[in-house]
Amino acid sequence: MKRLGSVQRKMPCVFVTEVKEEPSSKREHQHVPSFSGQHLLGKPPNQPFKVLATETVSHKALDADIYSAIPTEKVDGTCCYVTTYKDQPYLWARLDRKPNKQAEKRFKNFLHSKENPKEFFWNVEEDFKPAPECWIPAKETEQINGNPVPDENGHIPGWVPVEKNNKQYCWHSSVVNYEFEIALVLKHHPDDSGLLEISAVPLSDLLEQTLELIGTNINGNPYGLGSKKHPLHLLIPHGAFQIRNLPSLKHNDLVSWFEDCKEGKIEGIVWHCSDGCLIKVHRHHLGLCWPIPDTYMNSRPVIINMNLNKCDSAFDIKCLFNHFLKIDNQKFVRLKDIIFDV
């Protein structure tokens, strides 16, 4: 698989942004199902302000040579990482360390103080909630004296390994099999860019990559995958869906592209720059709605190509790998049309 940038920290917007003190419209029309006894991963409820893009391209974007960058689809899910754990490739879930109540209060007072000093000083050992023993900081996290430094939001981005029987990460766990060291991945078909493919990919092929987990119980399921009875989740490598024929990097041109083009029916754009920097724009930055009824991801046919003959009888009958083996080599009009006959 072609490797582009890895998502190890918060991505800046391609435009200079401004904050408007009015409620955000993020997901205001989206119904997030609550499945009894199941863990639903989602983003926080509506924030009381909007972050909107101006027409000025940011200095960070210009410094990263944004005009030569590779534009890709920003996928709406939860971020994951593949790296070694217990001497084998493992899927890791995003877990940011956050300050305790006392430290958070001090930090908020600092942010809203009119006599704002230049820098807020953290005591990482005392100010933050304890992390699981196996937690690791994200790769690009700055460190001082061996301690990770919080970002501008007061968080320390990091990862925890997805163990098979951990209920908190059951949806992450559903897309990997550690016995055979494989993962369920959605990407372009190698011989047809207009066709999507779901396949079992060796975790070793994904080492040191970040991916997006999408599906039934992630962020309100904007792509309409699976059902309450038969949840469906998949991994998408970051940068997997490159965008062709993107308009010029102008505010109005991008708004028109998102609104009028079939390829623009996506959550946003992530530019992968030559220096490894990632720059984004979200539909909400441009005052546009997300989620939307008909996404570009659901406009293309998808084929199942598991190629797992040696494992045919080795999977639990209820696991996703077994369900996909039953429909192996079948082609569907859209992702949301995949239904398991069980």
Protein backbone atom coordinates (compact mmCIF):
# COMPACT_ATOMS: atom_id res chain seq x y z
CA MET A 1 0.00 0.00 0.00
CA LYS A 2 1.24 3.51 -0.80
CA ARG A 3 2.02 5.30 2.43
CA LEU A 4 1.28 8.97 2.92
CA GLY A 5 1.35 11.02 6.12
CA SER A 6 0.53 9.51 9.50
CA VAL A 7 -2.03 11.23 11.76
CA GLN A 8 -0.18 11.65 15.05
CA ARG A 9 -1.47 15.07 16.12
CA LYS A 10 -4.24 17.58 15.51
CA MET A 11 -4.25 18.88 11.94
CA PRO A 12 -4.42 22.65 11.27
CA CYS A 13 -6.91 24.15 8.84
CA VAL A 14 -5.68 25.18 5.39
CA PHE A 15 -7.23 28.63 5.94
CA VAL A 16 -6.84 31.09 8.77
CA THR A 17 -9.86 30.52 11.02
CA GLU A 18 -12.02 32.72 13.20
CA VAL A 19 -14.32 31.82 16.09
CA LYS A 20 -17.95 32.92 16.07
CA GLU A 21 -19.87 32.85 19.35
CA GLU A 22 -22.88 30.94 18.07
CA PRO A 23 -23.81 27.25 18.42
CA SER A 24 -22.07 24.90 16.02
CA SER A 25 -24.25 23.00 13.54
CA LYS A 26 -22.05 19.91 13.78
CA ARG A 27 -24.22 16.81 13.65
CA GLU A 28 -27.31 18.73 14.75
CA HIS A 29 -29.51 16.71 12.37
CA GLN A 30 -27.77 13.42 13.02
CA HIS A 31 -29.45 10.71 15.04
CA VAL A 32 -26.91 8.80 17.09
CA PRO A 33 -28.39 5.44 18.04
CA SER A 34 -28.00 4.15 21.57
CA PHE A 35 -27.61 0.41 21.45
CA SER A 36 -28.37 -1.26 24.75
CA GLY A 37 -25.33 -2.99 26.20
CA GLN A 38 -23.05 -1.76 23.40
CA HIS A 39 -20.35 0.87 23.45
CA LEU A 40 -20.96 3.68 20.98
CA LEU A 41 -17.95 5.73 19.94
CA GLY A 42 -18.76 9.27 18.97
CA LYS A 43 -17.62 12.86 19.01
CA PRO A 44 -18.79 15.35 21.66
CA PRO A 45 -22.21 17.06 21.38
CA ASN A 46 -22.55 20.41 19.65
CA GLN A 47 -20.06 23.02 20.80
CA PRO A 48 -21.31 26.52 21.70
CA PHE A 49 -19.21 28.21 18.99
CA LYS A 50 -18.28 27.90 15.33
CA VAL A 51 -14.79 27.77 13.87
CA LEU A 52 -15.03 29.18 10.35
CA ALA A 53 -12.45 29.58 7.61
CA THR A 54 -11.53 32.99 6.28
CA GLU A 55 -10.38 33.43 2.68
CA THR A 56 -6.72 33.60 3.70
CA VAL A 57 -4.50 30.53 3.28
CA SER A 58 -2.66 29.91 6.57
CA HIS A 59 1.09 30.38 7.05
CA LYS A 60 1.38 26.73 8.18
CA ALA A 61 -0.13 25.60 4.88
CA LEU A 62 2.13 27.86 2.83
CA ASP A 63 5.24 26.79 4.77
CA ALA A 64 4.34 23.14 4.05
CA ASP A 65 4.06 23.89 0.30
CA ILE A 66 0.33 23.18 0.20
CA TYR A 67 0.12 23.82 -3.54
CA SER A 68 2.28 20.74 -4.21
CA ALA A 69 0.53 18.53 -1.63
CA ILE A 70 -1.59 15.45 -2.35
CA PRO A 71 -5.29 16.05 -1.53
CA THR A 72 -7.20 13.10 -0.04
CA GLU A 73 -10.64 12.45 1.38
CA LYS A 74 -11.08 13.16 5.09
CA VAL A 75 -12.98 10.14 6.40
CA ASP A 76 -15.39 10.45 9.34
CA GLY A 77 -14.45 7.84 11.94
CA THR A 78 -12.09 7.33 14.86
CA CYS A 79 -8.32 7.31 14.48
CA CYS A 80 -6.28 4.09 14.92
CA TYR A 81 -2.63 3.13 14.65
CA VAL A 82 -0.80 -0.10 13.84
CA THR A 83 2.46 -0.76 15.65
CA THR A 84 4.16 -3.59 17.52
CA TYR A 85 2.84 -4.93 20.84
CA LYS A 86 3.62 -8.29 22.41
CA ASP A 87 6.13 -8.88 19.60
CA GLN A 88 3.50 -8.75 16.84
CA PRO A 89 1.63 -6.11 14.80
CA TYR A 90 -1.28 -4.73 16.84
CA LEU A 91 -4.11 -2.26 16.32
CA TRP A 92 -4.04 0.67 18.75
CA ALA A 93 -6.94 3.00 19.63
CA ARG A 94 -6.60 6.75 20.10
CA LEU A 95 -6.60 7.79 23.76
CA ASP A 96 -5.66 11.34 24.67
CA ARG A 97 -4.56 12.02 28.23
CA LYS A 98 -6.58 14.90 29.68
CA PRO A 99 -6.01 17.12 32.71
CA ASN A 100 -7.72 16.49 36.02
CA LYS A 101 -10.47 18.87 37.19
CA GLN A 102 -8.17 21.21 39.10
CA ALA A 103 -5.67 21.53 36.24
CA GLU A 104 -8.42 21.92 33.65
CA LYS A 105 -9.92 24.78 35.67
CA ARG A 106 -6.53 26.53 35.85
CA PHE A 107 -6.04 26.04 32.10
CA LYS A 108 -9.49 27.44 31.24
CA ASN A 109 -8.86 30.47 33.46
CA PHE A 110 -5.56 30.98 31.64
CA LEU A 111 -7.26 30.83 28.22
CA HIS A 112 -9.93 33.36 29.20
CA SER A 113 -7.72 35.71 31.19
CA LYS A 114 -7.44 39.24 29.82
CA GLU A 115 -4.02 39.50 31.45
CA ASN A 116 -2.95 36.39 29.61
CA PRO A 117 0.69 35.39 30.15
CA LYS A 118 2.52 34.00 27.15
CA GLU A 119 2.73 30.42 28.34
CA PHE A 120 0.84 27.98 30.57
CA PHE A 121 3.01 25.70 32.68
CA TRP A 122 1.95 22.09 33.12
CA ASN A 123 3.12 19.60 35.69
CA VAL A 124 2.47 16.47 33.65
CA GLU A 125 2.97 14.09 36.56
CA GLU A 126 0.41 15.87 38.77
CA ASP A 127 -1.98 17.66 36.39
CA PHE A 128 -3.13 14.72 34.27
CA LYS A 129 -5.40 11.79 34.86
CA PRO A 130 -3.48 8.50 35.06
CA ALA A 131 -3.06 6.61 31.80
CA PRO A 132 -3.24 2.84 31.31
CA GLU A 133 0.12 1.16 31.83
CA CYS A 134 0.37 0.26 28.13
CA TRP A 135 -0.45 3.81 26.92
CA ILE A 136 2.13 5.45 24.62
CA PRO A 137 2.28 9.10 23.46
CA ALA A 138 1.73 9.85 19.78
CA LYS A 139 4.93 9.93 17.75
CA GLU A 140 5.04 13.66 17.08
CA THR A 141 4.33 14.68 20.69
CA GLU A 142 7.00 17.05 21.99
CA GLN A 143 8.84 15.84 25.09
CA ILE A 144 10.75 17.70 27.82
CA ASN A 145 12.86 15.76 30.31
CA GLY A 146 11.22 12.55 29.19
CA ASN A 147 7.66 13.83 29.75
CA PRO A 148 5.22 14.45 26.87
CA VAL A 149 4.13 18.07 26.45
CA PRO A 150 0.36 18.79 26.15
CA ASP A 151 -0.89 20.36 22.91
CA GLU A 152 -2.63 23.73 22.58
CA ASN A 153 -5.89 22.14 23.81
CA GLY A 154 -4.29 20.79 26.97
CA HIS A 155 -4.35 17.17 25.77
CA ILE A 156 -1.56 14.65 25.27
CA PRO A 157 -2.39 12.57 22.17
CA GLY A 158 -1.61 8.89 22.50
CA TRP A 159 -2.57 5.29 21.90
CA VAL A 160 -3.60 2.11 23.74
CA PRO A 161 -3.44 -1.41 22.27
CA VAL A 162 -6.75 -3.00 21.31
CA GLU A 163 -7.01 -6.23 23.28
CA LYS A 164 -9.36 -8.91 22.02
CA ASN A 165 -11.70 -8.96 25.02
CA ASN A 166 -11.72 -5.27 25.92
CA LYS A 167 -15.38 -4.21 25.72
CA GLN A 168 -14.48 -0.53 25.52
CA TYR A 169 -12.83 -1.19 22.16
CA CYS A 170 -15.04 -4.01 20.91
CA TRP A 171 -15.65 -2.31 17.54
CA HIS A 172 -11.92 -1.87 17.00
CA SER A 173 -11.42 -5.50 17.95
CA SER A 174 -14.02 -6.66 15.41
CA VAL A 175 -11.83 -5.60 12.45
CA VAL A 176 -8.65 -7.45 13.46
CA ASN A 177 -7.68 -11.07 14.00
CA TYR A 178 -4.44 -11.47 15.92
CA GLU A 179 -4.21 -15.23 15.40
CA PHE A 180 -3.81 -14.73 11.63
CA GLU A 181 -2.50 -11.14 12.01
CA ILE A 182 -4.98 -9.62 9.56
CA ALA A 183 -7.31 -6.60 9.41
CA LEU A 184 -10.47 -5.76 7.47
CA VAL A 185 -9.56 -2.87 5.17
CA LEU A 186 -11.55 -0.76 2.71
CA LYS A 187 -9.56 0.78 -0.15
CA HIS A 188 -9.60 1.29 -3.91
CA HIS A 189 -9.47 -1.84 -6.04
CA PRO A 190 -5.88 -2.05 -7.37
CA ASP A 191 -7.02 -2.42 -11.01
CA ASP A 192 -10.07 -0.12 -11.02
CA SER A 193 -10.04 3.26 -9.25
CA GLY A 194 -13.82 3.49 -9.59
CA LEU A 195 -14.30 0.31 -7.57
CA LEU A 196 -13.89 -0.10 -3.81
CA GLU A 197 -12.57 -3.30 -2.28
CA ILE A 198 -12.94 -4.87 1.16
CA SER A 199 -10.12 -7.30 1.88
CA ALA A 200 -8.20 -9.00 4.66
CA VAL A 201 -4.82 -7.24 4.82
CA PRO A 202 -1.81 -8.51 6.81
CA LEU A 203 -1.27 -6.25 9.81
CA SER A 204 2.43 -6.30 8.95
CA ASP A 205 1.58 -4.38 5.74
CA LEU A 206 0.02 -1.65 7.90
CA LEU A 207 2.83 -1.22 10.41
CA GLU A 208 3.40 2.40 11.48
CA GLN A 209 0.36 3.57 9.53
CA THR A 210 -2.65 5.37 10.95
CA LEU A 211 -6.14 4.46 9.79
CA GLU A 212 -9.74 5.51 10.31
CA LEU A 213 -12.24 3.08 11.83
CA ILE A 214 -15.72 3.64 10.38
CA GLY A 215 -18.99 1.81 10.83
CA THR A 216 -22.28 1.23 12.60
CA ASN A 217 -21.23 2.38 16.05
CA ILE A 218 -18.76 5.12 15.16
CA ASN A 219 -19.75 8.83 15.15
CA GLY A 220 -23.41 8.13 14.42
CA ASN A 221 -22.57 6.05 11.33
CA PRO A 222 -22.52 8.79 8.64
CA TYR A 223 -21.97 6.18 5.89
CA GLY A 224 -24.96 4.03 6.89
CA LEU A 225 -23.03 0.79 7.37
CA GLY A 226 -24.53 -2.35 8.91
CA SER A 227 -27.38 -2.41 11.42
CA LYS A 228 -28.08 -2.77 15.13
CA LYS A 229 -28.44 -6.53 14.69
CA HIS A 230 -25.43 -6.91 12.39
CA PRO A 231 -22.89 -4.12 13.04
CA LEU A 232 -20.30 -3.53 10.33
CA HIS A 233 -16.95 -1.80 10.83
CA LEU A 234 -13.94 -1.31 8.55
CA LEU A 235 -10.51 0.30 8.55
CA ILE A 236 -9.43 2.87 5.94
CA PRO A 237 -5.73 3.82 5.73
CA HIS A 238 -5.24 7.57 5.93
CA GLY A 239 -4.60 8.95 2.47
CA ALA A 240 -6.21 5.94 0.76
CA PHE A 241 -8.73 7.99 -1.23
CA GLN A 242 -6.85 10.57 -3.27
CA ILE A 243 -8.90 13.37 -4.82
CA ARG A 244 -8.59 14.06 -8.52
CA ASN A 245 -9.42 17.36 -10.22
CA LEU A 246 -9.68 19.46 -7.05
CA PRO A 247 -10.34 23.15 -7.82
CA SER A 248 -7.96 25.97 -6.93
CA LEU A 249 -7.27 26.64 -3.27
CA LYS A 250 -9.82 29.42 -2.96
CA HIS A 251 -12.60 29.57 -0.40
CA ASN A 252 -15.48 30.05 -2.85
CA ASP A 253 -14.15 27.45 -5.31
CA LEU A 254 -13.96 24.83 -2.57
CA VAL A 255 -17.47 25.66 -1.35
CA SER A 256 -18.79 25.18 -4.90
CA TRP A 257 -16.87 21.89 -5.24
CA PHE A 258 -18.29 20.51 -1.99
CA GLU A 259 -21.83 21.56 -2.92
CA ASP A 260 -21.97 20.78 -6.64
CA CYS A 261 -19.55 17.93 -7.41
CA LYS A 262 -20.20 14.24 -6.82
CA GLU A 263 -16.62 13.86 -5.52
CA GLY A 264 -17.30 16.68 -3.04
CA LYS A 265 -19.85 14.68 -1.05
CA ILE A 266 -17.24 13.99 1.64
CA GLU A 267 -16.52 15.21 5.18
CA GLY A 268 -13.48 17.21 4.20
CA ILE A 269 -10.04 17.25 2.59
CA VAL A 270 -6.65 16.34 4.04
CA TRP A 271 -3.57 17.52 2.14
CA HIS A 272 -0.47 15.33 2.56
CA CYS A 273 2.53 17.63 2.21
CA SER A 274 6.02 16.62 1.10
CA ASP A 275 7.49 17.39 4.54
CA GLY A 276 5.03 15.00 6.22
CA CYS A 277 2.76 17.78 7.44
CA LEU A 278 -1.00 17.22 7.18
CA ILE A 279 -3.37 20.13 6.52
CA LYS A 280 -7.17 19.86 6.49
CA VAL A 281 -10.42 21.60 5.74
CA HIS A 282 -13.75 20.35 7.05
CA ARG A 283 -17.11 21.16 5.49
CA HIS A 284 -18.00 22.96 8.75
CA HIS A 285 -15.06 25.33 8.26
CA LEU A 286 -16.86 26.48 5.11
CA GLY A 287 -20.29 26.73 6.73
CA LEU A 288 -21.51 23.51 5.09
CA CYS A 289 -23.41 20.63 6.66
CA TRP A 290 -22.10 17.23 7.64
CA PRO A 291 -23.23 14.46 7.71
CA ILE A 292 -25.13 14.46 4.42
CA PRO A 293 -27.60 11.91 2.98
CA ASP A 294 -25.64 10.71 -0.06
CA THR A 295 -21.89 10.44 0.45
CA TYR A 296 -19.33 9.91 -2.32
CA MET A 297 -18.14 6.78 -0.54
CA ASN A 298 -21.60 5.28 -1.04
CA SER A 299 -21.77 6.20 -4.72
CA ARG A 300 -19.25 3.60 -5.88
CA PRO A 301 -19.58 -0.18 -6.17
CA VAL A 302 -17.63 -2.38 -3.78
CA ILE A 303 -16.29 -5.91 -4.16
CA ILE A 304 -15.36 -8.39 -1.42
CA ASN A 305 -11.95 -10.00 -1.90
CA MET A 306 -10.92 -11.86 1.25
CA ASN A 307 -8.43 -14.36 -0.25
CA LEU A 308 -8.39 -16.42 2.96
CA ASN A 309 -8.86 -20.01 1.82
CA LYS A 310 -6.46 -21.35 4.40
CA CYS A 311 -8.55 -19.80 7.18
CA ASP A 312 -12.03 -20.74 5.95
CA SER A 313 -13.00 -22.90 8.93
CA ALA A 314 -10.91 -21.11 11.56
CA PHE A 315 -13.08 -18.08 12.41
CA ASP A 316 -15.74 -17.74 15.04
CA ILE A 317 -19.10 -17.98 13.26
CA LYS A 318 -20.19 -14.57 14.61
CA CYS A 319 -17.07 -12.60 13.65
CA LEU A 320 -16.89 -10.16 10.73
CA PHE A 321 -14.22 -12.17 8.94
CA ASN A 322 -16.52 -15.18 8.81
CA HIS A 323 -19.44 -13.07 7.55
CA PHE A 324 -17.31 -11.61 4.76
CA LEU A 325 -16.06 -15.04 3.74
CA LYS A 326 -19.68 -16.02 3.09
CA ILE A 327 -20.03 -13.21 0.56
CA ASP A 328 -16.48 -13.41 -0.81
CA ASN A 329 -16.08 -12.28 -4.45
CA GLN A 330 -19.55 -10.69 -4.46
CA LYS A 331 -20.03 -7.17 -5.79
CA PHE A 332 -22.40 -4.61 -4.26
CA VAL A 333 -23.75 -1.36 -5.70
CA ARG A 334 -22.92 0.56 -2.51
CA LEU A 335 -21.26 -0.06 0.85
CA LYS A 336 -24.55 0.40 2.67
CA ASP A 337 -26.03 -2.44 0.60
CA ILE A 338 -23.83 -5.05 2.30
CA ILE A 339 -26.11 -7.25 4.39
CA PHE A 340 -25.06 -10.41 6.14
CA ASP A 341 -27.38 -13.39 5.77
CA VAL A 342 -27.06 -15.02 9.16
